[in-house]
Amino acid sequence: MNILNKGLKTLLEEINDPRREIILSIYKDHEELFHEAKGSGHNHQAWVGGYADHIAECLRINDVYYDSLQKMRPLEFSKDSAAIALFLHDIEKPFRYGSIDDKRCQKWQDIFNREAKDWESIKWDIIKDFEGKYGLELTEEEKNALKYTHGEGDDHCKDERVSLPLAAHVHHCDNTSARIWYDKGQGLSKTKLNPKL
């Protein structure tokens, strides 16, 4: 099957990790929300459903890029670990861009407004919520990848390695989708089996 014909659910089903069922449960419980949310306010995949399109595109890029790098020399992280980090890297966005009338969104939007927390902090609150609700466990490398998906920022240090190899890979996949193909892939998170999503 052509990789562009694989919807988000199919890409998640292909994760070969004991946590796959947890990831699929998170997806199932938020499927409609994920496929309605924008990928961003205006920078990339900023259309209705853009969030799911962006995540699906990141997973496709991971699939192709990981295999290409492995042909050069072995990587110290798995493709599946990268897929899990990519699935979660923007997990705050459906709740941020979702309707205030949706109780799942309302909780996090209220925290943002009431506590003046930034959305990056709320992302970690959502992940912690998923840890409790679904039993999600992340490795230290995956947490590092989630922290540095969008670069090292002020943590950059010329004398110390801050982001680990998995973080660099996740950053590359995200950056390719958000900065090279920012206006591509609309509707490609949907599957032929469930075209209404």
Protein backbone atom coordinates (compact mmCIF):
# COMPACT_ATOMS: atom_id res chain seq x y z
CA MET A 1 0.00 0.00 0.00
CA ASN A 2 1.26 3.47 -0.89
CA ILE A 3 2.21 5.24 2.34
CA LEU A 4 0.05 8.25 1.40
CA ASN A 5 -3.00 5.95 1.42
CA LYS A 6 -2.45 5.05 5.08
CA GLY A 7 -4.69 7.04 7.38
CA LEU A 8 -3.78 7.97 10.94
CA LYS A 9 -5.51 4.96 12.49
CA THR A 10 -3.71 2.54 10.16
CA LEU A 11 -0.35 4.17 10.92
CA LEU A 12 -1.02 3.83 14.66
CA GLU A 13 -2.10 0.19 14.23
CA GLU A 14 1.28 -0.51 12.63
CA ILE A 15 3.23 0.53 15.75
CA ASN A 16 5.04 -2.58 16.96
CA ASP A 17 5.31 -1.77 20.66
CA PRO A 18 3.56 -3.13 23.76
CA ARG A 19 2.02 0.34 24.23
CA ARG A 20 0.22 0.26 20.89
CA GLU A 21 -3.13 -0.60 22.49
CA ILE A 22 -2.78 2.38 24.85
CA ILE A 23 -2.03 4.69 21.90
CA LEU A 24 -5.03 3.27 20.02
CA SER A 25 -7.27 3.77 23.07
CA ILE A 26 -6.19 7.41 23.33
CA TYR A 27 -6.89 7.82 19.61
CA LYS A 28 -10.28 6.08 19.80
CA ASP A 29 -11.41 8.18 22.76
CA HIS A 30 -10.44 11.42 20.97
CA GLU A 31 -10.84 10.43 17.31
CA GLU A 32 -13.47 12.99 16.37
CA LEU A 33 -11.64 15.78 18.22
CA PHE A 34 -8.30 14.89 16.57
CA HIS A 35 -9.88 14.98 13.10
CA GLU A 36 -11.60 18.32 13.71
CA ALA A 37 -8.73 20.29 15.28
CA LYS A 38 -6.41 22.53 13.30
CA GLY A 39 -2.71 21.71 13.12
CA SER A 40 -1.85 25.25 14.22
CA GLY A 41 -3.27 28.74 14.37
CA HIS A 42 -1.72 29.68 11.03
CA ASN A 43 1.81 28.25 10.52
CA HIS A 44 1.14 24.69 9.36
CA GLN A 45 -1.80 22.43 8.55
CA ALA A 46 -4.03 25.28 9.75
CA TRP A 47 -7.24 23.78 8.38
CA VAL A 48 -10.01 21.83 10.10
CA GLY A 49 -8.57 18.34 10.55
CA GLY A 50 -5.04 19.66 10.14
CA TYR A 51 -3.95 18.26 13.50
CA ALA A 52 -4.63 14.65 12.45
CA ASP A 53 -3.17 15.34 9.00
CA HIS A 54 0.04 16.68 10.62
CA ILE A 55 0.39 13.71 12.97
CA ALA A 56 -0.23 11.24 10.13
CA GLU A 57 2.32 13.05 7.95
CA CYS A 58 4.91 12.96 10.75
CA LEU A 59 4.37 9.20 11.10
CA ARG A 60 4.81 8.72 7.33
CA ILE A 61 8.01 10.78 7.36
CA ASN A 62 9.26 8.71 10.32
CA ASP A 63 8.57 5.51 8.41
CA VAL A 64 10.53 6.60 5.33
CA TYR A 65 13.29 8.59 7.04
CA TYR A 66 14.03 5.98 9.71
CA ASP A 67 14.44 3.20 7.14
CA SER A 68 16.71 5.40 5.03
CA LEU A 69 18.97 6.24 7.98
CA GLN A 70 19.13 2.58 9.02
CA LYS A 71 20.66 1.80 5.61
CA MET A 72 23.62 4.01 6.53
CA ARG A 73 24.22 2.83 10.10
CA PRO A 74 22.16 1.44 12.99
CA LEU A 75 20.08 3.87 15.05
CA GLU A 76 19.97 3.59 18.82
CA PHE A 77 16.20 4.07 19.03
CA SER A 78 13.33 2.24 17.41
CA LYS A 79 10.97 3.49 14.72
CA ASP A 80 8.10 2.62 17.05
CA SER A 81 9.48 4.71 19.91
CA ALA A 82 9.73 7.62 17.46
CA ALA A 83 6.13 6.99 16.33
CA ILE A 84 4.89 7.18 19.93
CA ALA A 85 6.77 10.43 20.54
CA LEU A 86 5.43 11.86 17.27
CA PHE A 87 1.88 10.86 18.18
CA LEU A 88 2.20 12.82 21.43
CA HIS A 89 4.42 15.74 20.40
CA ASP A 90 1.53 18.20 19.81
CA ILE A 91 -1.07 16.48 21.99
CA GLU A 92 -2.19 19.80 23.47
CA LYS A 93 -3.40 21.14 20.12
CA PRO A 94 -6.76 19.34 19.83
CA PHE A 95 -7.65 20.65 23.29
CA ARG A 96 -6.30 24.11 22.49
CA TYR A 97 -8.08 24.50 19.16
CA GLY A 98 -11.14 22.42 20.00
CA SER A 99 -14.52 23.88 20.83
CA ILE A 100 -15.00 25.49 24.25
CA ASP A 101 -18.29 23.54 24.31
CA ASP A 102 -16.38 20.24 24.30
CA LYS A 103 -15.80 19.28 27.95
CA ARG A 104 -12.53 17.55 27.06
CA CYS A 105 -11.24 20.87 25.69
CA GLN A 106 -12.91 23.05 28.29
CA LYS A 107 -10.85 21.55 31.13
CA TRP A 108 -7.52 22.46 29.50
CA GLN A 109 -8.68 25.80 28.11
CA ASP A 110 -9.85 26.76 31.61
CA ILE A 111 -6.42 25.89 33.04
CA PHE A 112 -4.77 27.98 30.32
CA ASN A 113 -7.00 30.98 31.07
CA ARG A 114 -7.20 30.63 34.85
CA GLU A 115 -3.60 29.69 35.68
CA ALA A 116 -1.91 31.55 32.82
CA LYS A 117 -0.01 28.35 31.96
CA ASP A 118 1.57 28.12 28.54
CA TRP A 119 0.39 25.34 26.24
CA GLU A 120 3.74 23.55 26.38
CA SER A 121 3.23 23.09 30.14
CA ILE A 122 -0.33 21.96 29.54
CA LYS A 123 1.00 19.35 27.09
CA TRP A 124 2.85 17.74 30.00
CA ASP A 125 -0.28 17.92 32.15
CA ILE A 126 -2.21 16.10 29.41
CA ILE A 127 0.51 13.43 29.17
CA LYS A 128 0.41 13.01 32.95
CA ASP A 129 -3.37 12.68 32.71
CA PHE A 130 -2.92 9.96 30.05
CA GLU A 131 -0.41 8.19 32.31
CA GLY A 132 -3.05 7.93 35.01
CA LYS A 133 -6.06 7.22 32.80
CA TYR A 134 -4.50 4.84 30.28
CA GLY A 135 -1.37 3.57 32.05
CA LEU A 136 0.87 5.24 29.46
CA GLU A 137 4.56 5.00 30.31
CA LEU A 138 7.27 6.83 28.40
CA THR A 139 11.01 6.21 28.39
CA GLU A 140 13.43 8.96 29.37
CA GLU A 141 14.48 9.20 25.71
CA GLU A 142 10.85 9.70 24.65
CA LYS A 143 10.36 12.39 27.29
CA ASN A 144 13.51 14.08 26.02
CA ALA A 145 12.14 13.89 22.46
CA LEU A 146 8.86 15.46 23.57
CA LYS A 147 10.71 18.22 25.39
CA TYR A 148 12.92 19.05 22.40
CA THR A 149 10.65 18.28 19.43
CA HIS A 150 10.66 21.97 18.57
CA GLY A 151 14.39 22.44 19.21
CA GLU A 152 16.54 23.09 22.26
CA GLY A 153 15.77 26.81 22.54
CA ASP A 154 17.28 28.36 25.66
CA ASP A 155 18.51 24.93 26.82
CA HIS A 156 21.08 24.78 24.01
CA CYS A 157 24.61 24.38 25.36
CA LYS A 158 27.78 24.10 23.27
CA ASP A 159 29.48 21.99 25.95
CA GLU A 160 26.69 19.50 26.62
CA ARG A 161 24.44 17.30 24.52
CA VAL A 162 20.91 18.34 25.46
CA SER A 163 18.61 16.67 22.97
CA LEU A 164 19.21 12.97 22.43
CA PRO A 165 19.23 11.20 19.03
CA LEU A 166 15.52 10.32 19.26
CA ALA A 167 14.72 13.99 19.87
CA ALA A 168 16.73 14.99 16.79
CA HIS A 169 14.83 12.47 14.68
CA VAL A 170 11.42 13.54 16.02
CA HIS A 171 12.38 17.19 15.45
CA HIS A 172 13.31 16.40 11.85
CA CYS A 173 10.01 14.60 11.15
CA ASP A 174 7.95 17.37 12.73
CA ASN A 175 9.94 20.12 11.02
CA THR A 176 9.58 18.49 7.60
CA SER A 177 5.80 18.35 7.97
CA ALA A 178 5.44 21.80 9.54
CA ARG A 179 8.01 23.73 7.51
CA ILE A 180 8.39 21.95 4.15
CA TRP A 181 4.91 20.45 3.65
CA TYR A 182 3.00 22.95 5.83
CA ASP A 183 0.23 23.25 3.22
CA LYS A 184 0.22 19.64 1.95
CA GLY A 185 -1.60 16.47 2.96
CA GLN A 186 -5.04 17.89 3.64
CA GLY A 187 -7.44 15.03 4.34
CA LEU A 188 -4.74 12.33 4.26
CA SER A 189 -5.29 11.38 7.90
CA LYS A 190 -8.67 9.91 6.95
CA THR A 191 -9.00 6.32 5.90
CA LYS A 192 -11.05 4.94 3.06
CA LEU A 193 -12.84 2.75 5.62
CA ASN A 194 -14.02 5.77 7.59
CA PRO A 195 -14.13 8.69 5.14
CA LYS A 196 -16.35 10.83 7.37
CA LEU A 197 -13.49 11.42 9.81
